[in-house]
Amino acid sequence: YPASPGLPKGEKEQQEAIEHIDEVQNEIDRLNEQASEEILKVEQKYNKLRQPFFQKRSELIAKIPNFWVTTFVNHPQVSALLGEEDEETLHYLTRVEVTEFEDVKSGYRIDFYFDENPYFENKVFFKEFHLNESGDPSSKSTEIKWKSGKDLTKCSSQTQNKASRKRQHEEPESFFTWFTDRSDAGADELGEVVRDGVWPNTLKYYLVPDMDDEEGEAEDDDDEEEEGLDDIDEEGDEDEGEEDEDDDEGEEGEEDEGEDD
């Protein structure tokens, strides 16, 4: 390219290179957009394929008492939000469902199903995350109909959990505060933990204590084996010591016989 009269040759070449980079970047962006569309179609396809398995799993979970409260208590991030009364309330939780919207990028919904209980009238709670008309993330959720004196989101007497005791200067928050908090739908950590962590593999968290016990037993076995090896080594050392003493005595005997001769 001939250099422009207004620019030195080196600067002209750099300017032309930047323009070409911009053109290449536009092609990259176009491919990225195309990839996103194809990935979305794949996600939609497999979301539909997973549904009957999730349904079957829910039917099986219904046969196990306290499955969901155990799962939530075992999950480190969820359990950090559970006070003692929250945990009692979750004993009435019978079913959890996560539903991805048809357009996966537009949001999802979490439903919690409860048996009759002494805390609230609701049989189902939901919290839904979606993009509003302006394209910003927002959420909506069930209004909890608390029974008299049972509103855990206002009850400061709720026994604090381990995480709360580390922050005693703060008021303990209830797990159910999450339903009413719609301040930052774009960064709802609990919603994302339930959707991306708990929901895909609930059994993993339900069985956590058993897995820990097995690991603990394995470690104990290893320790016992190591102790056994140490004992053997010590005994071996003692035996070697005794053999050395016998050798020394033998040598002394030979010397004495030599002197007698």
Protein backbone atom coordinates (compact mmCIF):
# COMPACT_ATOMS: atom_id res chain seq x y z
CA TYR A 1 0.00 0.00 0.00
CA PRO A 2 1.40 3.43 -0.87
CA ALA A 3 2.09 5.54 2.20
CA SER A 4 -0.28 8.45 2.82
CA PRO A 5 1.35 11.85 2.49
CA GLY A 6 0.05 12.71 5.96
CA LEU A 7 1.54 9.67 7.77
CA PRO A 8 5.08 8.24 7.93
CA LYS A 9 5.38 4.86 6.22
CA GLY A 10 5.66 2.87 9.50
CA GLU A 11 2.55 4.44 11.04
CA LYS A 12 0.59 3.93 7.81
CA GLU A 13 1.42 0.20 7.84
CA GLN A 14 0.33 -0.07 11.49
CA GLN A 15 -2.97 1.68 10.72
CA GLU A 16 -3.64 -0.67 7.82
CA ALA A 17 -2.80 -3.66 10.04
CA ILE A 18 -5.29 -2.47 12.68
CA GLU A 19 -8.00 -2.18 10.02
CA HIS A 20 -7.31 -5.73 8.86
CA ILE A 21 -7.32 -7.00 12.46
CA ASP A 22 -10.75 -5.40 12.89
CA GLU A 23 -12.02 -7.21 9.78
CA VAL A 24 -10.65 -10.54 11.05
CA GLN A 25 -12.18 -9.90 14.48
CA ASN A 26 -15.57 -9.35 12.87
CA GLU A 27 -15.28 -12.81 11.29
CA ILE A 28 -14.33 -14.33 14.65
CA ASP A 29 -17.34 -12.62 16.30
CA ARG A 30 -19.61 -13.93 13.57
CA LEU A 31 -18.39 -17.49 14.15
CA ASN A 32 -18.76 -17.09 17.92
CA GLU A 33 -22.35 -15.98 17.45
CA GLN A 34 -23.02 -18.93 15.16
CA ALA A 35 -21.42 -21.29 17.71
CA SER A 36 -23.62 -19.88 20.49
CA GLU A 37 -26.74 -20.55 18.44
CA GLU A 38 -25.67 -24.13 17.73
CA ILE A 39 -24.67 -24.74 21.38
CA LEU A 40 -28.08 -23.44 22.47
CA LYS A 41 -29.80 -25.96 20.16
CA VAL A 42 -27.70 -28.79 21.62
CA GLU A 43 -28.52 -27.69 25.19
CA GLN A 44 -32.22 -27.56 24.37
CA LYS A 45 -32.05 -31.03 22.82
CA TYR A 46 -30.37 -32.61 25.84
CA ASN A 47 -32.55 -30.78 28.34
CA LYS A 48 -35.52 -32.56 26.77
CA LEU A 49 -33.71 -35.90 26.75
CA ARG A 50 -32.86 -35.55 30.47
CA GLN A 51 -36.43 -34.79 31.58
CA PRO A 52 -37.76 -38.38 31.82
CA PHE A 53 -34.70 -39.36 33.87
CA PHE A 54 -35.18 -36.44 36.25
CA GLN A 55 -38.84 -37.46 36.57
CA LYS A 56 -37.88 -41.06 37.36
CA ARG A 57 -35.33 -39.84 39.88
CA SER A 58 -37.95 -37.71 41.64
CA GLU A 59 -40.25 -40.72 41.92
CA LEU A 60 -37.45 -42.76 43.51
CA ILE A 61 -36.41 -39.94 45.85
CA ALA A 62 -40.01 -39.77 47.14
CA LYS A 63 -39.47 -43.23 48.65
CA ILE A 64 -36.59 -42.00 50.85
CA PRO A 65 -37.56 -40.02 54.01
CA ASN A 66 -35.72 -36.75 54.57
CA PHE A 67 -33.77 -37.08 51.32
CA TRP A 68 -33.78 -33.37 50.49
CA VAL A 69 -33.04 -32.00 53.94
CA THR A 70 -30.10 -34.43 54.18
CA THR A 71 -28.87 -33.35 50.74
CA PHE A 72 -29.03 -29.64 51.62
CA VAL A 73 -27.41 -30.12 55.02
CA ASN A 74 -24.57 -32.03 53.37
CA HIS A 75 -23.96 -29.33 50.75
CA PRO A 76 -21.40 -26.87 52.20
CA GLN A 77 -22.75 -23.71 50.59
CA VAL A 78 -26.42 -24.46 51.27
CA SER A 79 -25.85 -25.66 54.83
CA ALA A 80 -24.09 -22.37 55.63
CA LEU A 81 -27.49 -20.67 55.23
CA LEU A 82 -29.44 -23.12 57.40
CA GLY A 83 -30.36 -22.24 60.95
CA GLU A 84 -31.74 -24.88 63.30
CA GLU A 85 -35.37 -24.01 62.55
CA ASP A 86 -34.67 -23.82 58.80
CA GLU A 87 -33.41 -27.38 59.03
CA GLU A 88 -36.54 -28.45 60.93
CA THR A 89 -38.70 -26.85 58.24
CA LEU A 90 -36.86 -28.66 55.44
CA HIS A 91 -37.85 -32.00 56.98
CA TYR A 92 -41.22 -31.31 55.33
CA LEU A 93 -39.60 -30.76 51.90
CA THR A 94 -40.67 -33.65 49.67
CA ARG A 95 -39.61 -32.62 46.19
CA VAL A 96 -37.37 -30.16 44.33
CA GLU A 97 -37.62 -29.43 40.61
CA VAL A 98 -35.36 -27.30 38.41
CA THR A 99 -36.75 -26.27 35.02
CA GLU A 100 -34.65 -24.65 32.33
CA PHE A 101 -36.64 -22.36 30.08
CA GLU A 102 -36.95 -23.23 26.38
CA ASP A 103 -34.45 -20.50 25.58
CA VAL A 104 -31.80 -21.69 28.04
CA LYS A 105 -30.12 -18.32 28.19
CA SER A 106 -33.33 -16.60 29.30
CA GLY A 107 -33.55 -18.27 32.69
CA TYR A 108 -34.74 -21.10 34.90
CA ARG A 109 -37.16 -21.89 37.71
CA ILE A 110 -36.77 -23.81 41.00
CA ASP A 111 -39.82 -25.35 42.70
CA PHE A 112 -39.91 -26.63 46.30
CA TYR A 113 -42.81 -28.90 47.34
CA PHE A 114 -43.74 -29.23 51.02
CA ASP A 115 -46.02 -31.42 53.10
CA GLU A 116 -48.43 -29.87 55.61
CA ASN A 117 -46.30 -28.29 58.33
CA PRO A 118 -46.47 -25.95 61.35
CA TYR A 119 -44.54 -23.13 59.64
CA PHE A 120 -46.43 -21.94 56.55
CA GLU A 121 -49.57 -22.52 54.50
CA ASN A 122 -47.84 -22.90 51.12
CA LYS A 123 -47.57 -26.33 49.55
CA VAL A 124 -45.24 -25.11 46.77
CA PHE A 125 -42.62 -22.36 46.63
CA PHE A 126 -40.90 -21.23 43.48
CA LYS A 127 -38.21 -18.78 42.52
CA GLU A 128 -37.80 -17.89 38.87
CA PHE A 129 -34.90 -16.20 37.12
CA HIS A 130 -35.33 -14.58 33.72
CA LEU A 131 -34.38 -11.65 31.55
CA ASN A 132 -36.77 -8.73 31.66
CA GLU A 133 -37.86 -6.63 28.67
CA SER A 134 -34.67 -4.58 28.77
CA GLY A 135 -32.56 -7.77 28.77
CA ASP A 136 -31.44 -7.39 32.41
CA PRO A 137 -31.67 -10.35 34.81
CA SER A 138 -34.57 -10.28 37.24
CA SER A 139 -36.45 -12.72 39.44
CA LYS A 140 -39.81 -13.37 41.01
CA SER A 141 -40.83 -15.75 43.75
CA THR A 142 -43.67 -17.09 45.87
CA GLU A 143 -45.03 -14.99 48.71
CA ILE A 144 -44.64 -17.13 51.82
CA LYS A 145 -47.80 -17.37 53.92
CA TRP A 146 -46.30 -17.85 57.36
CA LYS A 147 -48.38 -19.21 60.21
CA SER A 148 -48.70 -17.00 63.31
CA GLY A 149 -45.34 -16.43 65.01
CA LYS A 150 -43.50 -18.72 62.58
CA ASP A 151 -41.97 -16.21 60.14
CA LEU A 152 -38.34 -17.34 60.13
CA THR A 153 -37.25 -14.35 58.04
CA LYS A 154 -38.17 -12.06 60.95
CA CYS A 155 -37.41 -14.33 63.88
CA SER A 156 -34.03 -13.25 65.30
CA SER A 157 -34.22 -15.93 68.01
CA GLN A 158 -33.50 -18.67 65.47
CA THR A 159 -30.53 -20.71 66.64
CA GLN A 160 -27.48 -19.66 64.69
CA ASN A 161 -25.67 -22.20 62.57
CA LYS A 162 -21.92 -22.78 62.47
CA ALA A 163 -21.34 -20.21 59.75
CA SER A 164 -23.39 -17.58 61.59
CA ARG A 165 -21.52 -18.16 64.85
CA LYS A 166 -18.36 -17.10 63.07
CA ARG A 167 -20.05 -13.78 62.35
CA GLN A 168 -21.83 -13.11 65.62
CA HIS A 169 -22.11 -9.40 64.96
CA GLU A 170 -24.53 -10.16 62.10
CA GLU A 171 -28.20 -11.07 62.39
CA PRO A 172 -28.75 -14.70 61.44
CA GLU A 173 -30.57 -14.92 58.13
CA SER A 174 -33.08 -17.61 57.31
CA PHE A 175 -32.77 -19.85 54.29
CA PHE A 176 -36.25 -18.58 53.39
CA THR A 177 -34.95 -15.01 53.08
CA TRP A 178 -33.63 -16.19 49.71
CA PHE A 179 -37.19 -16.45 48.39
CA THR A 180 -37.98 -12.84 49.23
CA ASP A 181 -34.59 -11.39 48.21
CA ARG A 182 -34.82 -10.30 44.58
CA SER A 183 -32.20 -7.55 44.77
CA ASP A 184 -29.53 -9.07 42.52
CA ALA A 185 -30.99 -11.74 40.25
CA GLY A 186 -27.90 -11.71 38.05
CA ALA A 187 -25.71 -12.97 40.92
CA ASP A 188 -28.00 -15.24 42.90
CA GLU A 189 -25.47 -17.68 44.34
CA LEU A 190 -27.95 -20.02 46.02
CA GLY A 191 -30.04 -20.33 42.85
CA GLU A 192 -26.95 -21.18 40.84
CA VAL A 193 -25.75 -23.66 43.48
CA VAL A 194 -29.08 -25.50 43.42
CA ARG A 195 -29.29 -25.49 39.61
CA ASP A 196 -25.65 -26.28 38.77
CA GLY A 197 -24.52 -28.16 41.88
CA VAL A 198 -27.32 -29.91 43.78
CA TRP A 199 -29.74 -30.65 40.96
CA PRO A 200 -27.48 -32.44 38.43
CA ASN A 201 -26.35 -35.04 41.00
CA THR A 202 -28.41 -35.02 44.20
CA LEU A 203 -27.23 -38.49 45.25
CA LYS A 204 -23.65 -37.25 45.48
CA TYR A 205 -24.56 -34.90 48.35
CA TYR A 206 -27.06 -37.23 49.99
CA LEU A 207 -24.31 -39.84 50.37
CA VAL A 208 -21.51 -37.48 51.43
CA PRO A 209 -21.23 -38.71 55.07
CA ASP A 210 -20.99 -42.36 53.99
CA MET A 211 -18.27 -41.48 51.50
CA ASP A 212 -16.38 -39.58 54.22
CA ASP A 213 -16.69 -42.54 56.61
CA GLU A 214 -15.28 -44.89 53.98
CA GLU A 215 -12.38 -42.53 53.37
CA GLY A 216 -11.82 -42.26 57.14
CA GLU A 217 -11.81 -46.04 57.51
CA ALA A 218 -9.34 -46.35 54.64
CA GLU A 219 -7.07 -43.79 56.30
CA ASP A 220 -7.31 -45.68 59.61
CA ASP A 221 -6.40 -48.92 57.84
CA ASP A 222 -3.40 -47.20 56.27
CA ASP A 223 -2.34 -45.90 59.69
CA GLU A 224 -2.67 -49.37 61.21
CA GLU A 225 -0.62 -50.85 58.39
CA GLU A 226 2.05 -48.20 58.88
CA GLU A 227 2.09 -48.86 62.64
CA GLY A 228 2.42 -52.58 61.94
CA LEU A 229 5.34 -51.91 59.64
CA ASP A 230 6.95 -49.72 62.29
CA ASP A 231 6.58 -52.52 64.84
CA ILE A 232 8.17 -54.99 62.44
CA ASP A 233 11.03 -52.57 61.79
CA GLU A 234 11.56 -52.10 65.53
CA GLU A 235 11.51 -55.85 66.13
CA GLY A 236 13.89 -56.28 63.22
CA ASP A 237 16.22 -53.72 64.71
CA GLU A 238 16.11 -55.48 68.06
CA ASP A 239 16.86 -58.84 66.44
CA GLU A 240 19.75 -57.34 64.56
CA GLY A 241 21.04 -55.88 67.80
CA GLU A 242 20.87 -59.30 69.49
CA GLU A 243 22.70 -60.92 66.55
CA ASP A 244 25.41 -58.29 66.80
CA GLU A 245 25.82 -59.04 70.51
CA ASP A 246 26.12 -62.78 69.78
CA ASP A 247 28.76 -62.08 67.15
CA ASP A 248 30.72 -59.95 69.60
CA GLU A 249 30.58 -62.70 72.22
CA GLY A 250 31.82 -65.24 69.64
CA GLU A 251 34.74 -63.07 68.71
CA GLU A 252 35.69 -62.60 72.36
CA GLY A 253 35.60 -66.40 72.86
CA GLU A 254 37.97 -66.95 69.95
CA GLU A 255 40.38 -64.38 71.36
CA ASP A 256 40.38 -66.13 74.77
CA GLU A 257 41.15 -69.49 73.15
CA GLY A 258 44.05 -67.92 71.28
CA GLU A 259 45.50 -66.58 74.54
CA ASP A 260 45.25 -70.02 76.22
CA ASP A 261 47.24 -71.59 73.37
